[in-house]
Amino acid sequence: MNNLSAKTAGYTIAAIIAIIANTLLVIAKETNPALLAAMKSIAHHWVVQSVVIVLLFFLLGLILSKWPAMRHFNGTFLALVLTLATVVAGIGIVGFFFFA
């Protein structure tokens, strides 16, 4: 696959970061009662988490897509990293709840 546009690469990297951040936030809020309570004080903790992760995705995508170096990323490489991040994040969440 050829190099991607800066926008496509930027938002793909933003998705990778958001997926990892989502997993870390799940683990953090489930192991830190103060964080969970703070999130619950705003709204349901899953709603707060969703808003935070979606905002992170869009803000990072906007910032990264304007970075000229994004044009040099290979689409196949980013697809592989995105897939790997999704699988590892899924295993991380399932493993956390399975062993918690």
Protein backbone atom coordinates (compact mmCIF):
# COMPACT_ATOMS: atom_id res chain seq x y z
CA MET A 1 0.00 0.00 0.00
CA ASN A 2 1.32 3.46 -0.82
CA ASN A 3 1.88 6.29 1.57
CA LEU A 4 -1.29 7.77 2.99
CA SER A 5 -2.47 11.34 3.15
CA ALA A 6 -1.45 13.23 6.27
CA LYS A 7 -5.07 13.27 7.43
CA THR A 8 -5.54 9.51 7.06
CA ALA A 9 -2.25 8.71 8.79
CA GLY A 10 -2.87 11.26 11.54
CA TYR A 11 -6.29 9.94 12.40
CA THR A 12 -5.07 6.34 12.23
CA ILE A 13 -2.34 7.12 14.75
CA ALA A 14 -4.92 8.97 16.84
CA ALA A 15 -7.08 5.83 16.80
CA ILE A 16 -4.14 3.70 17.93
CA ILE A 17 -3.44 6.08 20.82
CA ALA A 18 -7.14 6.29 21.75
CA ILE A 19 -7.45 2.49 21.83
CA ILE A 20 -4.46 2.20 24.17
CA ALA A 21 -5.67 5.12 26.30
CA ASN A 22 -9.10 3.53 26.60
CA THR A 23 -7.59 0.31 27.94
CA LEU A 24 -5.40 2.19 30.39
CA LEU A 25 -8.36 4.28 31.56
CA VAL A 26 -10.48 1.16 32.14
CA ILE A 27 -7.76 -0.35 34.30
CA ALA A 28 -7.03 2.94 36.08
CA LYS A 29 -10.63 3.64 37.03
CA GLU A 30 -11.26 0.08 38.15
CA THR A 31 -8.18 0.07 40.41
CA ASN A 32 -8.48 3.66 41.67
CA PRO A 33 -11.71 4.30 43.62
CA ALA A 34 -11.07 8.05 43.69
CA LEU A 35 -10.88 8.23 39.90
CA LEU A 36 -14.02 6.14 39.53
CA ALA A 37 -15.85 8.35 42.04
CA ALA A 38 -14.72 11.50 40.22
CA MET A 39 -15.97 10.12 36.92
CA LYS A 40 -19.28 9.07 38.51
CA SER A 41 -19.71 12.58 39.94
CA ILE A 42 -19.81 13.97 36.39
CA ALA A 43 -22.07 11.33 34.82
CA HIS A 44 -22.08 7.56 34.46
CA HIS A 45 -18.43 6.52 34.39
CA TRP A 46 -18.77 4.81 30.98
CA VAL A 47 -20.26 8.00 29.51
CA VAL A 48 -17.40 10.08 30.91
CA GLN A 49 -14.85 7.58 29.62
CA SER A 50 -16.45 7.57 26.17
CA VAL A 51 -16.43 11.37 25.95
CA VAL A 52 -12.79 11.56 27.07
CA ILE A 53 -11.63 8.94 24.57
CA VAL A 54 -13.62 10.39 21.65
CA LEU A 55 -12.30 13.88 22.39
CA LEU A 56 -8.77 12.49 22.64
CA PHE A 57 -9.21 10.80 19.25
CA PHE A 58 -10.50 13.92 17.49
CA LEU A 59 -8.01 16.32 19.08
CA LEU A 60 -5.02 14.08 18.36
CA GLY A 61 -6.29 13.41 14.86
CA LEU A 62 -6.62 17.11 14.18
CA ILE A 63 -3.14 17.85 15.53
CA LEU A 64 -1.38 14.88 13.93
CA SER A 65 -3.04 15.33 10.53
CA LYS A 66 -1.43 18.76 10.25
CA TRP A 67 2.05 17.37 10.87
CA PRO A 68 3.88 17.03 7.51
CA ALA A 69 5.71 13.87 8.61
CA MET A 70 2.37 12.03 8.57
CA ARG A 71 2.58 11.77 4.78
CA HIS A 72 5.48 9.36 5.06
CA PHE A 73 3.65 6.59 6.91
CA ASN A 74 2.94 3.40 5.04
CA GLY A 75 -0.70 2.32 5.09
CA THR A 76 0.10 -1.36 5.54
CA PHE A 77 2.28 -0.61 8.54
CA LEU A 78 -0.39 1.56 10.18
CA ALA A 79 -3.08 -1.05 9.50
CA LEU A 80 -0.91 -3.68 11.16
CA VAL A 81 -0.23 -1.48 14.21
CA LEU A 82 -3.93 -0.55 14.48
CA THR A 83 -4.91 -4.22 14.38
CA LEU A 84 -2.24 -5.15 16.91
CA ALA A 85 -3.30 -2.33 19.26
CA THR A 86 -6.93 -3.44 19.04
CA VAL A 87 -6.10 -7.07 19.81
CA VAL A 88 -3.71 -6.24 22.65
CA ALA A 89 -6.18 -3.74 24.16
CA GLY A 90 -9.01 -6.27 23.97
CA ILE A 91 -6.90 -8.97 25.60
CA GLY A 92 -5.78 -6.45 28.23
CA ILE A 93 -9.34 -5.53 29.21
CA VAL A 94 -10.61 -9.12 29.17
CA GLY A 95 -7.54 -10.28 31.09
CA PHE A 96 -7.93 -7.52 33.66
CA PHE A 97 -11.55 -8.39 34.40
CA PHE A 98 -10.86 -12.13 34.27
CA PHE A 99 -8.08 -11.94 36.85
CA ALA A 100 -9.40 -9.01 38.92
